[in-house]
Amino acid sequence: MFSLIAQVARFFRSSNASAPASHAATLMETADVRAGLDAHHAQELRVAASAYLSVVR
């Protein structure tokens, strides 16, 4: 769980010069990349994206 929190923290500290269209979209893209390497981490990223969307709405 700590790795998920660290990933989200790094995500929000990223520079705004290359700001993505959506934080949730970036988390989902990262989850897709991680799916082949670590399915559990990919699922954590998807949950984080869903949580972000529920807070934003």
PDB file of N, CA and C in Angstrom:
ATOM      1  N   MET A   1       0.831  -1.195   0.000  1.00  0.00           N
ATOM      2  CA  MET A   1       0.000   0.000   0.000  1.00  0.00           C
ATOM      3  C   MET A   1       0.874   1.257   0.000  1.00  0.00           C
ATOM      4  N   PHE A   2       2.012   1.179   0.689  1.00  0.00           N
ATOM      5  CA  PHE A   2       2.900   2.337   0.712  1.00  0.00           C
ATOM      6  C   PHE A   2       3.392   2.676  -0.688  1.00  0.00           C
ATOM      7  N   SER A   3       3.658   1.647  -1.489  1.00  0.00           N
ATOM      8  CA  SER A   3       4.139   1.905  -2.849  1.00  0.00           C
ATOM      9  C   SER A   3       3.091   2.653  -3.666  1.00  0.00           C
ATOM     10  N   LEU A   4       1.827   2.367  -3.424  1.00  0.00           N
ATOM     11  CA  LEU A   4       0.761   3.079  -4.122  1.00  0.00           C
ATOM     12  C   LEU A   4       0.753   4.550  -3.728  1.00  0.00           C
ATOM     13  N   ILE A   5       0.869   4.821  -2.445  1.00  0.00           N
ATOM     14  CA  ILE A   5       0.892   6.206  -1.960  1.00  0.00           C
ATOM     15  C   ILE A   5       2.110   6.937  -2.512  1.00  0.00           C
ATOM     16  N   ALA A   6       3.255   6.260  -2.537  1.00  0.00           N
ATOM     17  CA  ALA A   6       4.469   6.869  -3.082  1.00  0.00           C
ATOM     18  C   ALA A   6       4.303   7.164  -4.573  1.00  0.00           C
ATOM     19  N   GLN A   7       3.672   6.249  -5.291  1.00  0.00           N
ATOM     20  CA  GLN A   7       3.443   6.456  -6.729  1.00  0.00           C
ATOM     21  C   GLN A   7       2.545   7.663  -6.972  1.00  0.00           C
ATOM     22  N   VAL A   8       1.485   7.787  -6.193  1.00  0.00           N
ATOM     23  CA  VAL A   8       0.567   8.916  -6.352  1.00  0.00           C
ATOM     24  C   VAL A   8       1.277  10.218  -5.985  1.00  0.00           C
ATOM     25  N   ALA A   9       2.094  10.204  -4.940  1.00  0.00           N
ATOM     26  CA  ALA A   9       2.838  11.402  -4.540  1.00  0.00           C
ATOM     27  C   ALA A   9       3.800  11.832  -5.636  1.00  0.00           C
ATOM     28  N   ARG A  10       4.512  10.868  -6.231  1.00  0.00           N
ATOM     29  CA  ARG A  10       5.420  11.206  -7.329  1.00  0.00           C
ATOM     30  C   ARG A  10       4.654  11.739  -8.529  1.00  0.00           C
ATOM     31  N   PHE A  11       3.492  11.196  -8.751  1.00  0.00           N
ATOM     32  CA  PHE A  11       2.667  11.628  -9.866  1.00  0.00           C
ATOM     33  C   PHE A  11       2.289  13.100  -9.723  1.00  0.00           C
ATOM     34  N   PHE A  12       1.879  13.514  -8.514  1.00  0.00           N
ATOM     35  CA  PHE A  12       1.460  14.890  -8.312  1.00  0.00           C
ATOM     36  C   PHE A  12       2.630  15.864  -8.235  1.00  0.00           C
ATOM     37  N   ARG A  13       3.842  15.363  -7.963  1.00  0.00           N
ATOM     38  CA  ARG A  13       5.009  16.233  -7.922  1.00  0.00           C
ATOM     39  C   ARG A  13       5.597  16.468  -9.302  1.00  0.00           C
ATOM     40  N   SER A  14       5.109  15.775 -10.304  1.00  0.00           N
ATOM     41  CA  SER A  14       5.651  15.928 -11.645  1.00  0.00           C
ATOM     42  C   SER A  14       5.450  17.362 -12.135  1.00  0.00           C
ATOM     43  N   SER A  15       6.280  17.750 -13.062  1.00  0.00           N
ATOM     44  CA  SER A  15       6.230  19.127 -13.554  1.00  0.00           C
ATOM     45  C   SER A  15       4.940  19.406 -14.306  1.00  0.00           C
ATOM     46  N   ASN A  16       4.507  20.638 -14.248  1.00  0.00           N
ATOM     47  CA  ASN A  16       3.281  21.043 -14.935  1.00  0.00           C
ATOM     48  C   ASN A  16       3.532  21.369 -16.401  1.00  0.00           C
ATOM     49  N   ALA A  17       4.793  21.434 -16.817  1.00  0.00           N
ATOM     50  CA  ALA A  17       5.107  21.734 -18.210  1.00  0.00           C
ATOM     51  C   ALA A  17       4.559  20.653 -19.133  1.00  0.00           C
ATOM     52  N   SER A  18       4.600  19.434 -18.684  1.00  0.00           N
ATOM     53  CA  SER A  18       4.068  18.343 -19.487  1.00  0.00           C
ATOM     54  C   SER A  18       2.806  17.798 -18.818  1.00  0.00           C
ATOM     55  N   ALA A  19       1.926  18.684 -18.446  1.00  0.00           N
ATOM     56  CA  ALA A  19       0.720  18.302 -17.715  1.00  0.00           C
ATOM     57  C   ALA A  19      -0.177  17.415 -18.584  1.00  0.00           C
ATOM     58  N   PRO A  20      -0.578  16.281 -18.057  1.00  0.00           N
ATOM     59  CA  PRO A  20      -1.457  15.400 -18.821  1.00  0.00           C
ATOM     60  C   PRO A  20      -2.877  15.947 -18.874  1.00  0.00           C
ATOM     61  N   ALA A  21      -3.668  15.393 -19.763  1.00  0.00           N
ATOM     62  CA  ALA A  21      -5.054  15.829 -19.873  1.00  0.00           C
ATOM     63  C   ALA A  21      -5.809  15.525 -18.587  1.00  0.00           C
ATOM     64  N   SER A  22      -5.463  14.440 -17.928  1.00  0.00           N
ATOM     65  CA  SER A  22      -6.146  14.041 -16.715  1.00  0.00           C
ATOM     66  C   SER A  22      -5.201  13.203 -15.861  1.00  0.00           C
ATOM     67  N   HIS A  23      -5.229  13.430 -14.554  1.00  0.00           N
ATOM     68  CA  HIS A  23      -4.407  12.630 -13.651  1.00  0.00           C
ATOM     69  C   HIS A  23      -4.874  11.184 -13.681  1.00  0.00           C
ATOM     70  N   ALA A  24      -6.163  10.980 -13.719  1.00  0.00           N
ATOM     71  CA  ALA A  24      -6.703   9.624 -13.759  1.00  0.00           C
ATOM     72  C   ALA A  24      -6.270   8.904 -15.037  1.00  0.00           C
ATOM     73  N   ALA A  25      -6.256   9.610 -16.148  1.00  0.00           N
ATOM     74  CA  ALA A  25      -5.838   8.998 -17.411  1.00  0.00           C
ATOM     75  C   ALA A  25      -4.378   8.566 -17.344  1.00  0.00           C
ATOM     76  N   THR A  26      -3.549   9.380 -16.741  1.00  0.00           N
ATOM     77  CA  THR A  26      -2.139   9.033 -16.606  1.00  0.00           C
ATOM     78  C   THR A  26      -1.964   7.819 -15.701  1.00  0.00           C
ATOM     79  N   LEU A  27      -2.728   7.773 -14.608  1.00  0.00           N
ATOM     80  CA  LEU A  27      -2.656   6.609 -13.722  1.00  0.00           C
ATOM     81  C   LEU A  27      -3.094   5.344 -14.452  1.00  0.00           C
ATOM     82  N   MET A  28      -4.137   5.451 -15.254  1.00  0.00           N
ATOM     83  CA  MET A  28      -4.612   4.286 -16.010  1.00  0.00           C
ATOM     84  C   MET A  28      -3.583   3.843 -17.049  1.00  0.00           C
ATOM     85  N   GLU A  29      -2.932   4.809 -17.715  1.00  0.00           N
ATOM     86  CA  GLU A  29      -1.900   4.462 -18.687  1.00  0.00           C
ATOM     87  C   GLU A  29      -0.739   3.766 -18.002  1.00  0.00           C
ATOM     88  N   THR A  30      -0.351   4.256 -16.840  1.00  0.00           N
ATOM     89  CA  THR A  30       0.717   3.624 -16.086  1.00  0.00           C
ATOM     90  C   THR A  30       0.316   2.223 -15.658  1.00  0.00           C
ATOM     91  N   ALA A  31      -0.934   2.052 -15.286  1.00  0.00           N
ATOM     92  CA  ALA A  31      -1.435   0.729 -14.908  1.00  0.00           C
ATOM     93  C   ALA A  31      -1.355  -0.231 -16.088  1.00  0.00           C
ATOM     94  N   ASP A  32      -1.682   0.253 -17.279  1.00  0.00           N
ATOM     95  CA  ASP A  32      -1.607  -0.601 -18.467  1.00  0.00           C
ATOM     96  C   ASP A  32      -0.170  -1.053 -18.722  1.00  0.00           C
ATOM     97  N   VAL A  33       0.771  -0.139 -18.517  1.00  0.00           N
ATOM     98  CA  VAL A  33       2.178  -0.479 -18.716  1.00  0.00           C
ATOM     99  C   VAL A  33       2.637  -1.490 -17.672  1.00  0.00           C
ATOM    100  N   ARG A  34       2.204  -1.302 -16.429  1.00  0.00           N
ATOM    101  CA  ARG A  34       2.618  -2.177 -15.331  1.00  0.00           C
ATOM    102  C   ARG A  34       1.916  -3.537 -15.341  1.00  0.00           C
ATOM    103  N   ALA A  35       0.829  -3.665 -16.087  1.00  0.00           N
ATOM    104  CA  ALA A  35       0.032  -4.893 -16.053  1.00  0.00           C
ATOM    105  C   ALA A  35       0.858  -6.126 -16.396  1.00  0.00           C
ATOM    106  N   GLY A  36       1.746  -6.029 -17.343  1.00  0.00           N
ATOM    107  CA  GLY A  36       2.567  -7.171 -17.715  1.00  0.00           C
ATOM    108  C   GLY A  36       3.670  -7.471 -16.729  1.00  0.00           C
ATOM    109  N   LEU A  37       4.067  -6.478 -15.962  1.00  0.00           N
ATOM    110  CA  LEU A  37       5.174  -6.649 -15.025  1.00  0.00           C
ATOM    111  C   LEU A  37       4.707  -7.012 -13.622  1.00  0.00           C
ATOM    112  N   ASP A  38       3.679  -6.341 -13.162  1.00  0.00           N
ATOM    113  CA  ASP A  38       3.192  -6.542 -11.788  1.00  0.00           C
ATOM    114  C   ASP A  38       1.691  -6.275 -11.771  1.00  0.00           C
ATOM    115  N   ALA A  39       0.915  -7.325 -11.883  1.00  0.00           N
ATOM    116  CA  ALA A  39      -0.542  -7.184 -11.970  1.00  0.00           C
ATOM    117  C   ALA A  39      -1.135  -6.552 -10.713  1.00  0.00           C
ATOM    118  N   HIS A  40      -0.563  -6.858  -9.557  1.00  0.00           N
ATOM    119  CA  HIS A  40      -1.082  -6.294  -8.305  1.00  0.00           C
ATOM    120  C   HIS A  40      -0.877  -4.776  -8.271  1.00  0.00           C
ATOM    121  N   HIS A  41       0.291  -4.321  -8.677  1.00  0.00           N
ATOM    122  CA  HIS A  41       0.569  -2.879  -8.699  1.00  0.00           C
ATOM    123  C   HIS A  41      -0.317  -2.185  -9.726  1.00  0.00           C
ATOM    124  N   ALA A  42      -0.544  -2.827 -10.853  1.00  0.00           N
ATOM    125  CA  ALA A  42      -1.422  -2.259 -11.873  1.00  0.00           C
ATOM    126  C   ALA A  42      -2.826  -2.077 -11.317  1.00  0.00           C
ATOM    127  N   GLN A  43      -3.308  -3.067 -10.568  1.00  0.00           N
ATOM    128  CA  GLN A  43      -4.639  -2.953  -9.965  1.00  0.00           C
ATOM    129  C   GLN A  43      -4.678  -1.821  -8.952  1.00  0.00           C
ATOM    130  N   GLU A  44      -3.612  -1.641  -8.161  1.00  0.00           N
ATOM    131  CA  GLU A  44      -3.555  -0.537  -7.206  1.00  0.00           C
ATOM    132  C   GLU A  44      -3.638   0.817  -7.918  1.00  0.00           C
ATOM    133  N   LEU A  45      -2.969   0.929  -9.055  1.00  0.00           N
ATOM    134  CA  LEU A  45      -3.024   2.179  -9.820  1.00  0.00           C
ATOM    135  C   LEU A  45      -4.425   2.434 -10.363  1.00  0.00           C
ATOM    136  N   ARG A  46      -5.094   1.374 -10.796  1.00  0.00           N
ATOM    137  CA  ARG A  46      -6.471   1.539 -11.281  1.00  0.00           C
ATOM    138  C   ARG A  46      -7.396   1.977 -10.156  1.00  0.00           C
ATOM    139  N   VAL A  47      -7.192   1.424  -8.976  1.00  0.00           N
ATOM    140  CA  VAL A  47      -7.998   1.829  -7.812  1.00  0.00           C
ATOM    141  C   VAL A  47      -7.721   3.285  -7.470  1.00  0.00           C
ATOM    142  N   ALA A  48      -6.465   3.697  -7.559  1.00  0.00           N
ATOM    143  CA  ALA A  48      -6.115   5.094  -7.290  1.00  0.00           C
ATOM    144  C   ALA A  48      -6.765   6.029  -8.300  1.00  0.00           C
ATOM    145  N   ALA A  49      -6.793   5.632  -9.563  1.00  0.00           N
ATOM    146  CA  ALA A  49      -7.441   6.440 -10.586  1.00  0.00           C
ATOM    147  C   ALA A  49      -8.937   6.571 -10.307  1.00  0.00           C
ATOM    148  N   SER A  50      -9.550   5.470  -9.931  1.00  0.00           N
ATOM    149  CA  SER A  50     -10.986   5.505  -9.604  1.00  0.00           C
ATOM    150  C   SER A  50     -11.251   6.384  -8.388  1.00  0.00           C
ATOM    151  N   ALA A  51     -10.381   6.297  -7.389  1.00  0.00           N
ATOM    152  CA  ALA A  51     -10.542   7.132  -6.200  1.00  0.00           C
ATOM    153  C   ALA A  51     -10.378   8.607  -6.558  1.00  0.00           C
ATOM    154  N   TYR A  52      -9.424   8.919  -7.424  1.00  0.00           N
ATOM    155  CA  TYR A  52      -9.231  10.297  -7.857  1.00  0.00           C
ATOM    156  C   TYR A  52     -10.479  10.827  -8.558  1.00  0.00           C
ATOM    157  N   LEU A  53     -11.039  10.019  -9.430  1.00  0.00           N
ATOM    158  CA  LEU A  53     -12.240  10.445 -10.142  1.00  0.00           C
ATOM    159  C   LEU A  53     -13.411  10.644  -9.196  1.00  0.00           C
ATOM    160  N   SER A  54     -13.529   9.806  -8.175  1.00  0.00           N
ATOM    161  CA  SER A  54     -14.643   9.969  -7.237  1.00  0.00           C
ATOM    162  C   SER A  54     -14.492  11.226  -6.395  1.00  0.00           C
ATOM    163  N   VAL A  55     -13.250  11.629  -6.124  1.00  0.00           N
ATOM    164  CA  VAL A  55     -13.026  12.864  -5.350  1.00  0.00           C
ATOM    165  C   VAL A  55     -13.257  14.091  -6.221  1.00  0.00           C
ATOM    166  N   VAL A  56     -12.818  14.032  -7.468  1.00  0.00           N
ATOM    167  CA  VAL A  56     -12.951  15.165  -8.374  1.00  0.00           C
ATOM    168  C   VAL A  56     -14.421  15.443  -8.672  1.00  0.00           C
ATOM    169  N   ARG A  57     -15.202  14.412  -8.812  1.00  0.00           N
ATOM    170  CA  ARG A  57     -16.619  14.592  -9.128  1.00  0.00           C
ATOM    171  C   ARG A  57     -17.302  15.074  -7.911  1.00  0.00           C
TER     172      ARG A  57
END
